[in-house]
Each structure stands twice: as C-alpha cells, then as structure tokens.
Amino acid sequence: MLDVFLPFWQRLEPDEQNLYLERFPSPDEDWNLYLTQYWK
C-alpha cells in the first residue's frame, strides 16, 4: 500500500488532499496527522 498510496498522495495539491480526506476520511487521528503534517 505504501508504494502506491504515498506517491499518489505526494502528487496531489493541498486542496486536492483536503478534498480526498473529506470524501475518504482517515481511519484514525494518527494517520490523519501523518498525512497532513509529516508527509510533505
């Protein structure tokens, strides 16, 4: 999953990332924090 999802996530613009998280919420707060704060 990481080999597919993280490169996909990295290519998204910040507004696209926000839209993605609205439509497909993260499973927990830790994952959300990782995506929104650490993976930049």
PDB file of N, CA and C in Angstrom:
ATOM      1  N   MET A   1       0.820  -1.195   0.000  1.00  0.00           N
ATOM      2  CA  MET A   1       0.000   0.000   0.000  1.00  0.00           C
ATOM      3  C   MET A   1       0.862   1.258   0.000  1.00  0.00           C
ATOM      4  N   LEU A   2       1.898   1.251   0.799  1.00  0.00           N
ATOM      5  CA  LEU A   2       2.724   2.455   0.881  1.00  0.00           C
ATOM      6  C   LEU A   2       3.392   2.778  -0.442  1.00  0.00           C
ATOM      7  N   ASP A   3       3.751   1.762  -1.213  1.00  0.00           N
ATOM      8  CA  ASP A   3       4.391   2.000  -2.504  1.00  0.00           C
ATOM      9  C   ASP A   3       3.444   2.637  -3.503  1.00  0.00           C
ATOM     10  N   VAL A   4       2.152   2.459  -3.306  1.00  0.00           N
ATOM     11  CA  VAL A   4       1.162   3.016  -4.226  1.00  0.00           C
ATOM     12  C   VAL A   4       0.554   4.295  -3.670  1.00  0.00           C
ATOM     13  N   PHE A   5       0.134   4.250  -2.417  1.00  0.00           N
ATOM     14  CA  PHE A   5      -0.619   5.381  -1.872  1.00  0.00           C
ATOM     15  C   PHE A   5       0.239   6.615  -1.630  1.00  0.00           C
ATOM     16  N   LEU A   6       1.391   6.449  -1.019  1.00  0.00           N
ATOM     17  CA  LEU A   6       2.180   7.630  -0.663  1.00  0.00           C
ATOM     18  C   LEU A   6       2.684   8.406  -1.880  1.00  0.00           C
ATOM     19  N   PRO A   7       3.148   7.752  -2.949  1.00  0.00           N
ATOM     20  CA  PRO A   7       3.475   8.551  -4.144  1.00  0.00           C
ATOM     21  C   PRO A   7       2.246   9.257  -4.727  1.00  0.00           C
ATOM     22  N   PHE A   8       1.098   8.570  -4.689  1.00  0.00           N
ATOM     23  CA  PHE A   8      -0.146   9.196  -5.142  1.00  0.00           C
ATOM     24  C   PHE A   8      -0.442  10.435  -4.303  1.00  0.00           C
ATOM     25  N   TRP A   9      -0.337  10.295  -2.988  1.00  0.00           N
ATOM     26  CA  TRP A   9      -0.638  11.393  -2.071  1.00  0.00           C
ATOM     27  C   TRP A   9       0.315  12.560  -2.297  1.00  0.00           C
ATOM     28  N   GLN A  10       1.555  12.261  -2.519  1.00  0.00           N
ATOM     29  CA  GLN A  10       2.564  13.301  -2.697  1.00  0.00           C
ATOM     30  C   GLN A  10       2.300  14.120  -3.958  1.00  0.00           C
ATOM     31  N   ARG A  11       1.732  13.521  -4.983  1.00  0.00           N
ATOM     32  CA  ARG A  11       1.464  14.241  -6.228  1.00  0.00           C
ATOM     33  C   ARG A  11       0.238  15.145  -6.145  1.00  0.00           C
ATOM     34  N   LEU A  12      -0.591  14.959  -5.145  1.00  0.00           N
ATOM     35  CA  LEU A  12      -1.783  15.789  -5.017  1.00  0.00           C
ATOM     36  C   LEU A  12      -1.430  17.181  -4.508  1.00  0.00           C
ATOM     37  N   GLU A  13      -2.167  18.153  -4.999  1.00  0.00           N
ATOM     38  CA  GLU A  13      -2.038  19.515  -4.482  1.00  0.00           C
ATOM     39  C   GLU A  13      -2.716  19.574  -3.109  1.00  0.00           C
ATOM     40  N   PRO A  14      -2.387  20.565  -2.275  1.00  0.00           N
ATOM     41  CA  PRO A  14      -3.004  20.648  -0.939  1.00  0.00           C
ATOM     42  C   PRO A  14      -4.532  20.677  -0.961  1.00  0.00           C
ATOM     43  N   ASP A  15      -5.120  21.396  -1.907  1.00  0.00           N
ATOM     44  CA  ASP A  15      -6.585  21.423  -1.956  1.00  0.00           C
ATOM     45  C   ASP A  15      -7.151  20.066  -2.383  1.00  0.00           C
ATOM     46  N   GLU A  16      -6.435  19.355  -3.244  1.00  0.00           N
ATOM     47  CA  GLU A  16      -6.868  18.011  -3.633  1.00  0.00           C
ATOM     48  C   GLU A  16      -6.756  17.043  -2.455  1.00  0.00           C
ATOM     49  N   GLN A  17      -5.719  17.202  -1.651  1.00  0.00           N
ATOM     50  CA  GLN A  17      -5.576  16.366  -0.460  1.00  0.00           C
ATOM     51  C   GLN A  17      -6.741  16.597   0.494  1.00  0.00           C
ATOM     52  N   ASN A  18      -7.120  17.851   0.680  1.00  0.00           N
ATOM     53  CA  ASN A  18      -8.248  18.157   1.565  1.00  0.00           C
ATOM     54  C   ASN A  18      -9.542  17.550   1.046  1.00  0.00           C
ATOM     55  N   LEU A  19      -9.772  17.652  -0.251  1.00  0.00           N
ATOM     56  CA  LEU A  19     -10.974  17.056  -0.836  1.00  0.00           C
ATOM     57  C   LEU A  19     -10.967  15.532  -0.678  1.00  0.00           C
ATOM     58  N   TYR A  20      -9.819  14.944  -0.866  1.00  0.00           N
ATOM     59  CA  TYR A  20      -9.706  13.490  -0.705  1.00  0.00           C
ATOM     60  C   TYR A  20     -10.046  13.082   0.722  1.00  0.00           C
ATOM     61  N   LEU A  21      -9.510  13.813   1.695  1.00  0.00           N
ATOM     62  CA  LEU A  21      -9.774  13.472   3.096  1.00  0.00           C
ATOM     63  C   LEU A  21     -11.229  13.723   3.491  1.00  0.00           C
ATOM     64  N   GLU A  22     -11.875  14.658   2.834  1.00  0.00           N
ATOM     65  CA  GLU A  22     -13.307  14.867   3.102  1.00  0.00           C
ATOM     66  C   GLU A  22     -14.123  13.688   2.588  1.00  0.00           C
ATOM     67  N   ARG A  23     -13.772  13.224   1.415  1.00  0.00           N
ATOM     68  CA  ARG A  23     -14.533  12.120   0.822  1.00  0.00           C
ATOM     69  C   ARG A  23     -14.175  10.772   1.450  1.00  0.00           C
ATOM     70  N   PHE A  24     -12.894  10.567   1.730  1.00  0.00           N
ATOM     71  CA  PHE A  24     -12.408   9.309   2.314  1.00  0.00           C
ATOM     72  C   PHE A  24     -11.647   9.640   3.592  1.00  0.00           C
ATOM     73  N   PRO A  25     -12.340   9.773   4.703  1.00  0.00           N
ATOM     74  CA  PRO A  25     -11.664  10.141   5.954  1.00  0.00           C
ATOM     75  C   PRO A  25     -10.624   9.099   6.368  1.00  0.00           C
ATOM     76  N   SER A  26      -9.616   9.580   7.042  1.00  0.00           N
ATOM     77  CA  SER A  26      -8.568   8.674   7.518  1.00  0.00           C
ATOM     78  C   SER A  26      -9.126   7.772   8.620  1.00  0.00           C
ATOM     79  N   PRO A  27      -8.552   6.584   8.776  1.00  0.00           N
ATOM     80  CA  PRO A  27      -9.079   5.639   9.764  1.00  0.00           C
ATOM     81  C   PRO A  27      -8.935   6.106  11.211  1.00  0.00           C
ATOM     82  N   ASP A  28      -7.915   6.915  11.482  1.00  0.00           N
ATOM     83  CA  ASP A  28      -7.747   7.413  12.845  1.00  0.00           C
ATOM     84  C   ASP A  28      -6.970   8.728  12.826  1.00  0.00           C
ATOM     85  N   GLU A  29      -6.873   9.346  13.973  1.00  0.00           N
ATOM     86  CA  GLU A  29      -6.221  10.655  14.058  1.00  0.00           C
ATOM     87  C   GLU A  29      -4.723  10.587  13.781  1.00  0.00           C
ATOM     88  N   ASP A  30      -4.086   9.496  14.165  1.00  0.00           N
ATOM     89  CA  ASP A  30      -2.649   9.372  13.908  1.00  0.00           C
ATOM     90  C   ASP A  30      -2.354   9.356  12.412  1.00  0.00           C
ATOM     91  N   TRP A  31      -3.160   8.610  11.679  1.00  0.00           N
ATOM     92  CA  TRP A  31      -2.977   8.537  10.230  1.00  0.00           C
ATOM     93  C   TRP A  31      -3.256   9.898   9.604  1.00  0.00           C
ATOM     94  N   ASN A  32      -4.275  10.568  10.067  1.00  0.00           N
ATOM     95  CA  ASN A  32      -4.593  11.895   9.557  1.00  0.00           C
ATOM     96  C   ASN A  32      -3.449  12.868   9.834  1.00  0.00           C
ATOM     97  N   LEU A  33      -2.896  12.826  11.013  1.00  0.00           N
ATOM     98  CA  LEU A  33      -1.771  13.688  11.360  1.00  0.00           C
ATOM     99  C   LEU A  33      -0.572  13.387  10.471  1.00  0.00           C
ATOM    100  N   TYR A  34      -0.317  12.124  10.231  1.00  0.00           N
ATOM    101  CA  TYR A  34       0.798  11.733   9.369  1.00  0.00           C
ATOM    102  C   TYR A  34       0.612  12.297   7.965  1.00  0.00           C
ATOM    103  N   LEU A  35      -0.582  12.156   7.429  1.00  0.00           N
ATOM    104  CA  LEU A  35      -0.829  12.636   6.070  1.00  0.00           C
ATOM    105  C   LEU A  35      -0.777  14.153   5.968  1.00  0.00           C
ATOM    106  N   THR A  36      -1.317  14.831   6.942  1.00  0.00           N
ATOM    107  CA  THR A  36      -1.438  16.282   6.825  1.00  0.00           C
ATOM    108  C   THR A  36      -0.237  17.047   7.351  1.00  0.00           C
ATOM    109  N   GLN A  37       0.541  16.463   8.236  1.00  0.00           N
ATOM    110  CA  GLN A  37       1.657  17.210   8.823  1.00  0.00           C
ATOM    111  C   GLN A  37       3.029  16.668   8.441  1.00  0.00           C
ATOM    112  N   TYR A  38       3.184  15.360   8.468  1.00  0.00           N
ATOM    113  CA  TYR A  38       4.525  14.797   8.310  1.00  0.00           C
ATOM    114  C   TYR A  38       4.877  14.442   6.880  1.00  0.00           C
ATOM    115  N   TRP A  39       3.893  14.131   6.085  1.00  0.00           N
ATOM    116  CA  TRP A  39       4.181  13.715   4.715  1.00  0.00           C
ATOM    117  C   TRP A  39       4.107  14.916   3.788  1.00  0.00           C
ATOM    118  N   LYS A  40       5.118  15.769   3.868  1.00  0.00           N
ATOM    119  CA  LYS A  40       5.184  16.946   2.989  1.00  0.00           C
ATOM    120  C   LYS A  40       6.578  17.095   2.471  1.00  0.00           C
TER     121      LYS A  40
END
